Amino acid sequence: MTTPAFPLEPTPIHVPDEVLADLRARLASTRPPADEGNEDWSYGVPAGYLRELVAHWRDGYDWRKAEAAINVHEHYVVKVSGVPVHFLREAGRGPRPVPLILTHGWPWTFWHWSKVIGPLADPAAFGGDPADAFDVIVPSLPGFGFPGPLTGFPDVNFWKVADLWHTLMTGTLGYGRYAAGGCDIGALVSSQLGHKYADELYGIHIGSGLPLDFFNGPRAWDFARNRPLTDDQPAHVRARIVEQDHRWASHLAVHVLDGATLAHGLSDSPAGLLAWLLERWNAWSDNGGDVESVFSRDDLLTHATIFWVNNSIATSMRYYANANRYPWSPAHDRAPAVEAPVGLTFVTYENPPGVHTADERVRAFETGPQAAWFNHVNVNAHDHGGHFIPWENPDAWVDDLRRTFRGRRP
């Protein structure tokens, strides 16, 4: 089968020298806070560890090396419904590649997909079946990185991005039908595609089973959904509730209620920005107490640099408040709401209270209320990996996604 010519000319990523020089100058002027008794991260990111990362960012980290690795892939910048959109593309190598758009979350960047792009686009090069090839499209969520700060779209949120993505795939790129995958915010974007545009999708594969109305209502910042701790709960259930509150409470509360205030500091201080991102990369990854077992120092700084050089932290956080301020409403009243075939990949690191194993996680989903939202056709859970599944356990993600779309190709 001959693949038609791609309709756009690529534009490699390039950060100007003066932007990198300003970053180094700001890092050199960092004023750390007093932080006694916090070597165990119990108060947040320790000043001592952050100081080491800041020094490496200033004197040891090589953005140009990272930029070269990123530019191994094709990059494009287009306007979609007036919104500037950056995306990476890796052409599929197989008899009939299916277009696949992968959407990241927060505090992700498009580069968190980097470990799965090759295996999905060129399965044979990684020991797979070329019949499983995808034409991989990886956009940056508008306002998360390239091509720069998001303006003129102050009400951006996940379900509005789904409309942009559908226009990108079917209008700009001319695909008649496509597949979608995502995690975190990207899972909600993908679910909305599977809800509103099911007839034009082969299916979706997501890394969480959040319902599309997750951010609706007066307490969208409460991850526990206002569930109380009670005296009759088993100790392990109470402990898990508290543990998950520690992971999510400050993140959701600040981003939904007060993100703009925080953004003033994070847009001015690269060290402050790194600390806010780092807390999530540490708490949400399955790292056994060592974040660098999942993300090397250079990995951490590549993702942080993408946020910094684009001054995109404010609009990345805005997604949370706007998901609540402009609540999701259904495009139809059919059930399940997400009619496109849905595959899901879970990890035990994110098991809800009272669920312990991978098998229990699958059963808990399939017998729980969230399953009713989805036309789920392939549900898997894994013992390895955390919130950043395609980065932490890329083989599992690739295998699961391929399984979702087998038998659903043209």
Protein backbone atom coordinates (compact mmCIF):
# COMPACT_ATOMS: atom_id res chain seq x y z
CA MET A 1 0.00 0.00 0.00
CA THR A 2 1.40 3.42 -0.95
CA THR A 3 1.25 6.02 1.81
CA PRO A 4 0.04 9.40 0.48
CA ALA A 5 2.38 12.36 0.78
CA PHE A 6 2.08 14.21 4.08
CA PRO A 7 0.44 17.60 3.44
CA LEU A 8 2.80 19.76 5.55
CA GLU A 9 6.45 20.76 5.66
CA PRO A 10 8.22 19.99 8.96
CA THR A 11 9.61 22.70 11.24
CA PRO A 12 12.35 21.42 13.59
CA ILE A 13 12.30 22.49 17.23
CA HIS A 14 14.81 25.26 18.00
CA VAL A 15 15.08 27.31 21.19
CA PRO A 16 16.95 30.61 20.67
CA ASP A 17 20.34 30.99 22.36
CA GLU A 18 19.19 34.10 24.23
CA VAL A 19 16.35 32.15 25.87
CA LEU A 20 18.79 29.53 27.13
CA ALA A 21 21.21 32.24 28.33
CA ASP A 22 18.40 33.91 30.30
CA LEU A 23 17.53 30.55 31.85
CA ARG A 24 21.13 30.03 33.02
CA ALA A 25 21.27 33.56 34.46
CA ARG A 26 18.07 33.02 36.42
CA LEU A 27 19.31 29.67 37.72
CA ALA A 28 22.53 31.32 38.87
CA SER A 29 20.50 33.84 40.87
CA THR A 30 18.29 31.27 42.64
CA ARG A 31 17.61 32.09 46.29
CA PRO A 32 16.68 28.86 48.12
CA PRO A 33 14.36 28.84 51.15
CA ALA A 34 15.20 27.60 54.62
CA ASP A 35 14.24 23.91 54.69
CA GLU A 36 15.40 22.19 57.87
CA GLY A 37 14.26 18.64 58.60
CA ASN A 38 12.98 17.88 55.12
CA GLU A 39 15.50 15.37 53.80
CA ASP A 40 12.71 12.74 53.57
CA TRP A 41 10.45 14.90 51.33
CA SER A 42 7.80 14.96 54.06
CA TYR A 43 7.36 18.74 53.68
CA GLY A 44 7.71 18.71 49.89
CA VAL A 45 10.72 18.91 47.58
CA PRO A 46 13.92 19.16 49.68
CA ALA A 47 16.04 22.26 49.12
CA GLY A 48 19.22 20.16 49.07
CA TYR A 49 18.08 17.93 46.22
CA LEU A 50 16.61 20.83 44.28
CA ARG A 51 19.90 22.70 44.66
CA GLU A 52 21.72 19.80 42.97
CA LEU A 53 19.26 19.77 40.07
CA VAL A 54 19.44 23.54 39.65
CA ALA A 55 23.24 23.38 39.53
CA HIS A 56 23.10 20.64 36.89
CA TRP A 57 20.49 22.57 34.89
CA ARG A 58 22.77 25.60 34.94
CA ASP A 59 26.17 23.99 34.33
CA GLY A 60 25.81 20.38 33.18
CA TYR A 61 22.57 19.89 31.29
CA ASP A 62 22.74 20.12 27.47
CA TRP A 63 19.47 21.25 25.92
CA ARG A 64 20.96 21.12 22.43
CA LYS A 65 21.58 17.38 22.89
CA ALA A 66 17.97 16.89 23.97
CA GLU A 67 16.78 19.07 21.12
CA ALA A 68 18.69 16.92 18.62
CA ALA A 69 17.04 13.77 20.01
CA ILE A 70 13.63 15.40 19.78
CA ASN A 71 14.32 16.49 16.19
CA VAL A 72 14.96 12.91 15.08
CA HIS A 73 11.19 13.01 14.56
CA GLU A 74 9.29 15.38 12.27
CA HIS A 75 7.73 18.43 13.95
CA TYR A 76 5.01 20.68 12.66
CA VAL A 77 3.24 23.86 13.77
CA VAL A 78 -0.20 24.57 12.35
CA LYS A 79 -3.23 26.67 13.26
CA VAL A 80 -6.32 24.67 14.09
CA SER A 81 -9.48 26.77 14.42
CA GLY A 82 -7.15 29.71 15.04
CA VAL A 83 -5.16 27.94 17.80
CA PRO A 84 -1.43 27.33 17.20
CA VAL A 85 -0.72 23.61 17.57
CA HIS A 86 2.63 21.81 17.65
CA PHE A 87 2.81 18.12 16.92
CA LEU A 88 5.39 15.43 16.36
CA ARG A 89 4.90 12.84 13.61
CA GLU A 90 6.50 9.46 13.02
CA ALA A 91 5.28 7.83 9.82
CA GLY A 92 4.08 4.27 10.16
CA ARG A 93 6.10 1.48 8.55
CA GLY A 94 3.82 -1.40 7.69
CA PRO A 95 1.31 -2.56 5.11
CA ARG A 96 -1.54 -0.37 6.36
CA PRO A 97 -0.62 2.05 9.19
CA VAL A 98 -3.54 3.46 11.15
CA PRO A 99 -3.40 7.16 12.14
CA LEU A 100 -3.01 7.43 15.93
CA ILE A 101 -3.07 10.64 17.96
CA LEU A 102 -1.51 10.41 21.45
CA THR A 103 -2.37 13.08 24.02
CA HIS A 104 -0.33 13.73 27.15
CA GLY A 105 -1.37 15.08 30.54
CA TRP A 106 -0.02 17.28 33.34
CA PRO A 107 2.83 17.71 34.19
CA TRP A 108 3.66 15.80 31.04
CA THR A 109 5.04 17.11 27.81
CA PHE A 110 4.70 15.55 24.37
CA TRP A 111 8.13 13.97 25.01
CA HIS A 112 6.73 11.65 27.67
CA TRP A 113 5.52 9.56 24.69
CA SER A 114 9.04 9.24 23.30
CA LYS A 115 9.58 5.62 24.41
CA VAL A 116 6.52 4.27 22.58
CA ILE A 117 6.67 6.26 19.34
CA GLY A 118 9.17 3.97 17.60
CA PRO A 119 7.53 0.64 18.54
CA LEU A 120 4.09 1.93 17.54
CA ALA A 121 5.24 3.38 14.20
CA ASP A 122 7.69 0.64 13.21
CA PRO A 123 6.81 -2.58 15.05
CA ALA A 124 9.13 -4.76 12.96
CA ALA A 125 12.18 -2.76 14.09
CA PHE A 126 11.30 -3.68 17.69
CA GLY A 127 10.49 -7.33 17.15
CA GLY A 128 6.80 -6.83 16.43
CA ASP A 129 4.39 -7.43 13.59
CA PRO A 130 4.42 -4.71 10.88
CA ALA A 131 0.67 -5.20 10.56
CA ASP A 132 0.39 -3.36 13.92
CA ALA A 133 1.95 -0.14 12.57
CA PHE A 134 0.50 3.29 13.31
CA ASP A 135 1.12 6.67 11.75
CA VAL A 136 1.88 8.36 15.08
CA ILE A 137 0.83 11.96 15.77
CA VAL A 138 1.88 13.41 19.15
CA PRO A 139 0.67 16.97 19.74
CA SER A 140 1.52 19.28 22.60
CA LEU A 141 -1.60 20.26 24.46
CA PRO A 142 -2.06 23.96 23.60
CA GLY A 143 -0.41 25.98 26.35
CA PHE A 144 1.86 23.15 27.57
CA GLY A 145 4.95 23.83 25.49
CA PHE A 146 5.67 24.44 21.86
CA PRO A 147 4.95 26.52 19.87
CA GLY A 148 4.82 29.01 22.75
CA PRO A 149 2.50 30.71 25.24
CA LEU A 150 -1.20 30.17 24.55
CA THR A 151 -3.19 33.36 24.01
CA GLY A 152 -6.64 34.00 22.64
CA PHE A 153 -7.99 30.74 24.12
CA PRO A 154 -8.53 31.57 27.81
CA ASP A 155 -11.26 28.95 28.22
CA VAL A 156 -9.10 26.02 27.10
CA ASN A 157 -9.99 22.65 28.62
CA PHE A 158 -9.98 18.98 27.72
CA TRP A 159 -13.27 18.77 25.83
CA LYS A 160 -12.50 21.83 23.74
CA VAL A 161 -9.13 20.33 22.81
CA ALA A 162 -10.95 17.21 21.61
CA ASP A 163 -12.70 19.36 19.02
CA LEU A 164 -9.33 20.81 17.95
CA TRP A 165 -7.82 17.33 17.66
CA HIS A 166 -10.69 16.10 15.53
CA THR A 167 -10.27 19.06 13.19
CA LEU A 168 -6.50 18.48 13.11
CA MET A 169 -6.85 14.81 12.21
CA THR A 170 -9.74 14.98 9.75
CA GLY A 171 -9.43 18.51 8.36
CA THR A 172 -5.79 19.58 8.52
CA LEU A 173 -4.28 16.14 7.97
CA GLY A 174 -7.12 14.63 5.98
CA TYR A 175 -7.50 11.30 7.75
CA GLY A 176 -10.92 9.79 7.15
CA ARG A 177 -10.74 7.76 10.34
CA TYR A 178 -8.21 7.51 13.14
CA ALA A 179 -7.34 6.08 16.57
CA ALA A 180 -6.62 7.97 19.78
CA GLY A 181 -4.74 7.31 22.99
CA GLY A 182 -4.01 9.29 26.13
CA CYS A 183 -3.25 9.46 29.82
CA ASP A 184 -4.26 11.93 32.53
CA ILE A 185 -5.82 14.96 30.78
CA GLY A 186 -5.07 13.14 27.54
CA ALA A 187 -7.32 10.27 28.64
CA LEU A 188 -10.19 12.72 29.05
CA VAL A 189 -9.46 14.27 25.65
CA SER A 190 -9.42 10.80 24.09
CA SER A 191 -12.61 9.78 25.90
CA GLN A 192 -14.34 12.89 24.59
CA LEU A 193 -13.24 11.97 21.07
CA GLY A 194 -14.68 8.49 21.62
CA HIS A 195 -17.88 10.08 22.91
CA LYS A 196 -18.49 12.84 20.38
CA TYR A 197 -16.80 11.43 17.26
CA ALA A 198 -17.15 7.66 17.73
CA ASP A 199 -18.15 7.01 14.12
CA GLU A 200 -14.86 8.52 12.89
CA LEU A 201 -12.59 6.61 15.27
CA TYR A 202 -11.29 3.06 15.17
CA GLY A 203 -11.22 3.26 18.97
CA ILE A 204 -9.29 4.76 21.86
CA HIS A 205 -6.78 3.47 24.40
CA ILE A 206 -6.44 5.30 27.70
CA GLY A 207 -4.45 5.13 30.91
CA SER A 208 -7.26 5.91 33.33
CA GLY A 209 -10.99 5.38 33.51
CA LEU A 210 -12.08 8.79 34.75
CA PRO A 211 -15.65 9.68 33.80
CA LEU A 212 -16.02 12.67 31.49
CA ASP A 213 -17.87 14.62 34.19
CA PHE A 214 -15.03 14.20 36.70
CA PHE A 215 -14.46 17.97 36.98
CA ASN A 216 -18.14 18.92 37.05
CA GLY A 217 -19.73 20.13 40.26
CA PRO A 218 -18.87 22.39 43.19
CA ARG A 219 -16.00 20.30 44.62
CA ALA A 220 -13.97 19.45 41.52
CA TRP A 221 -10.78 20.06 43.48
CA ASP A 222 -11.53 17.17 45.89
CA PHE A 223 -9.96 13.96 44.56
CA ALA A 224 -11.77 11.99 47.29
CA ARG A 225 -15.07 13.31 45.89
CA ASN A 226 -16.00 14.38 49.43
CA ARG A 227 -15.77 10.82 50.79
CA PRO A 228 -15.06 11.01 54.53
CA LEU A 229 -12.71 8.94 56.62
CA THR A 230 -14.80 6.87 59.02
CA ASP A 231 -13.94 4.95 62.17
CA ASP A 232 -15.27 1.69 60.78
CA GLN A 233 -13.03 1.63 57.72
CA PRO A 234 -10.23 -0.99 57.76
CA ALA A 235 -6.86 0.49 58.60
CA HIS A 236 -5.41 -0.31 55.16
CA VAL A 237 -8.31 1.46 53.44
CA ARG A 238 -7.91 4.56 55.62
CA ALA A 239 -4.15 4.55 55.01
CA ARG A 240 -4.66 4.32 51.25
CA ILE A 241 -7.15 7.20 51.26
CA VAL A 242 -4.67 9.37 53.16
CA GLU A 243 -1.81 8.31 50.86
CA GLN A 244 -3.77 9.27 47.76
CA ASP A 245 -4.82 12.57 49.33
CA HIS A 246 -1.13 13.33 49.85
CA ARG A 247 -0.50 12.68 46.16
CA TRP A 248 -3.36 14.69 44.75
CA ALA A 249 -4.92 17.14 47.21
CA SER A 250 -2.61 20.14 46.82
CA HIS A 251 -2.29 19.61 43.08
CA LEU A 252 -6.00 19.61 42.33
CA ALA A 253 -6.93 22.26 44.88
CA VAL A 254 -4.36 24.79 43.68
CA HIS A 255 -4.86 24.16 39.97
CA VAL A 256 -8.64 24.33 40.17
CA LEU A 257 -8.89 27.18 42.67
CA ASP A 258 -5.75 29.31 42.53
CA GLY A 259 -3.50 28.40 39.60
CA ALA A 260 -2.97 31.96 38.35
CA THR A 261 -1.54 33.05 41.70
CA LEU A 262 0.99 30.23 41.72
CA ALA A 263 1.88 30.87 38.08
CA HIS A 264 3.31 34.31 38.89
CA GLY A 265 6.09 32.64 40.85
CA LEU A 266 6.61 29.68 38.52
CA SER A 267 6.83 31.85 35.40
CA ASP A 268 9.50 34.01 37.04
CA SER A 269 11.65 31.35 38.73
CA PRO A 270 12.90 28.25 36.90
CA ALA A 271 13.85 26.73 40.25
CA GLY A 272 10.32 27.25 41.52
CA LEU A 273 8.88 25.80 38.34
CA LEU A 274 11.14 22.76 38.62
CA ALA A 275 10.13 22.19 42.24
CA TRP A 276 6.39 22.23 41.46
CA LEU A 277 6.82 19.83 38.54
CA LEU A 278 9.29 17.63 40.40
CA GLU A 279 6.95 17.02 43.33
CA ARG A 280 4.44 15.44 40.93
CA TRP A 281 7.01 13.48 38.94
CA ASN A 282 8.27 12.06 42.24
CA ALA A 283 4.94 11.38 43.95
CA TRP A 284 3.13 10.01 40.92
CA SER A 285 5.79 7.69 39.51
CA ASP A 286 6.43 4.17 40.77
CA ASN A 287 10.00 4.89 41.84
CA GLY A 288 10.47 3.13 45.19
CA GLY A 289 11.66 6.36 46.80
CA ASP A 290 14.16 7.30 44.08
CA VAL A 291 12.72 9.51 41.35
CA GLU A 292 15.91 9.11 39.32
CA SER A 293 15.18 5.41 38.92
CA VAL A 294 12.36 6.51 36.61
CA PHE A 295 13.59 9.85 35.29
CA SER A 296 17.28 10.60 34.92
CA ARG A 297 18.36 14.12 35.86
CA ASP A 298 18.56 15.00 32.19
CA ASP A 299 15.07 13.57 31.60
CA LEU A 300 13.65 15.72 34.39
CA LEU A 301 15.34 18.79 33.02
CA THR A 302 14.29 18.17 29.42
CA HIS A 303 10.63 18.17 30.45
CA ALA A 304 11.15 21.19 32.70
CA THR A 305 12.96 23.07 29.95
CA ILE A 306 10.05 22.51 27.56
CA PHE A 307 7.75 24.18 30.09
CA TRP A 308 10.23 26.97 30.87
CA VAL A 309 11.32 28.10 27.40
CA ASN A 310 7.69 28.37 26.31
CA ASN A 311 6.49 30.16 29.49
CA SER A 312 3.59 27.74 29.44
CA ILE A 313 3.02 26.83 33.08
CA ALA A 314 0.08 29.23 33.59
CA THR A 315 -1.98 27.98 30.66
CA SER A 316 -1.13 24.35 31.42
CA MET A 317 -2.65 24.73 34.88
CA ARG A 318 -5.65 26.60 33.48
CA TYR A 319 -7.05 23.33 32.09
CA TYR A 320 -8.15 22.27 35.57
CA ALA A 321 -10.11 25.39 36.46
CA ASN A 322 -11.68 25.53 33.01
CA ALA A 323 -12.80 21.91 33.13
CA ASN A 324 -14.89 23.01 36.11
CA ARG A 325 -15.79 26.53 34.97
CA TYR A 326 -16.94 25.23 31.58
CA PRO A 327 -18.27 21.82 32.63
CA TRP A 328 -18.54 18.90 30.29
CA SER A 329 -21.97 18.22 28.83
CA PRO A 330 -22.90 15.20 26.71
CA ALA A 331 -23.16 15.37 22.93
CA HIS A 332 -25.74 12.55 23.03
CA ASP A 333 -27.69 10.54 25.60
CA ARG A 334 -26.79 7.05 24.42
CA ALA A 335 -25.08 4.49 26.62
CA PRO A 336 -22.28 3.94 27.04
CA ALA A 337 -21.30 7.58 26.73
CA VAL A 338 -17.98 6.64 25.11
CA GLU A 339 -19.28 4.52 22.23
CA ALA A 340 -15.98 3.97 20.42
CA PRO A 341 -14.17 0.76 21.41
CA VAL A 342 -12.07 1.50 24.50
CA GLY A 343 -8.93 -0.17 25.81
CA LEU A 344 -7.60 0.68 29.26
CA THR A 345 -4.24 0.20 30.94
CA PHE A 346 -4.10 0.44 34.73
CA VAL A 347 -1.22 0.08 37.18
CA THR A 348 -1.40 -1.20 40.75
CA TYR A 349 0.52 1.88 41.97
CA GLU A 350 -2.71 3.81 41.43
CA ASN A 351 -5.10 1.18 42.80
CA PRO A 352 -8.03 2.66 44.72
CA PRO A 353 -8.43 1.90 48.45
CA GLY A 354 -9.18 -1.75 49.14
CA VAL A 355 -7.81 -2.98 45.79
CA HIS A 356 -4.41 -4.66 45.95
CA THR A 357 -3.49 -6.71 42.88
CA ALA A 358 -3.58 -6.23 39.13
CA ASP A 359 -6.39 -8.77 38.75
CA GLU A 360 -8.38 -7.03 41.46
CA ARG A 361 -7.90 -3.71 39.66
CA VAL A 362 -9.37 -5.10 36.47
CA ARG A 363 -12.31 -6.64 38.35
CA ALA A 364 -12.89 -3.45 40.33
CA PHE A 365 -13.19 -1.48 37.12
CA GLU A 366 -15.34 -3.97 35.27
CA THR A 367 -17.81 -4.31 38.17
CA GLY A 368 -17.70 -0.67 39.27
CA PRO A 369 -19.65 2.40 38.19
CA GLN A 370 -16.95 3.80 35.88
CA ALA A 371 -17.18 0.86 33.47
CA ALA A 372 -20.65 1.97 32.45
CA TRP A 373 -19.13 5.05 30.82
CA PHE A 374 -17.14 3.03 28.29
CA ASN A 375 -17.55 0.52 25.49
CA HIS A 376 -14.56 -1.27 27.00
CA VAL A 377 -13.10 -4.09 24.93
CA ASN A 378 -9.64 -4.59 26.46
CA VAL A 379 -8.85 -3.93 30.14
CA ASN A 380 -5.43 -4.67 31.62
CA ALA A 381 -3.51 -3.84 34.78
CA HIS A 382 0.21 -4.11 35.54
CA ASP A 383 2.31 -4.30 38.69
CA HIS A 384 5.04 -2.06 37.27
CA GLY A 385 4.62 1.63 36.48
CA GLY A 386 2.93 4.70 37.87
CA HIS A 387 1.01 7.64 36.49
CA PHE A 388 3.36 8.08 33.53
CA ILE A 389 2.67 4.61 32.13
CA PRO A 390 4.04 5.02 28.58
CA TRP A 391 7.29 6.31 30.06
CA GLU A 392 7.56 3.95 33.05
CA ASN A 393 6.33 0.74 31.41
CA PRO A 394 6.36 1.39 27.67
CA ASP A 395 6.29 -2.29 26.66
CA ALA A 396 3.06 -2.85 28.56
CA TRP A 397 1.47 0.26 27.08
CA VAL A 398 2.43 -0.71 23.53
CA ASP A 399 1.22 -4.30 23.92
CA ASP A 400 -2.08 -3.21 25.43
CA LEU A 401 -2.72 -0.56 22.80
CA ARG A 402 -1.91 -2.93 19.94
CA ARG A 403 -4.36 -5.46 21.40
CA THR A 404 -7.12 -2.84 21.53
CA PHE A 405 -6.88 -2.18 17.80
CA ARG A 406 -6.33 -5.69 16.46
CA GLY A 407 -9.32 -6.66 14.42
CA ARG A 408 -10.43 -3.00 14.23
CA ARG A 409 -8.16 -1.90 11.40
CA PRO A 410 -9.37 -1.23 7.86
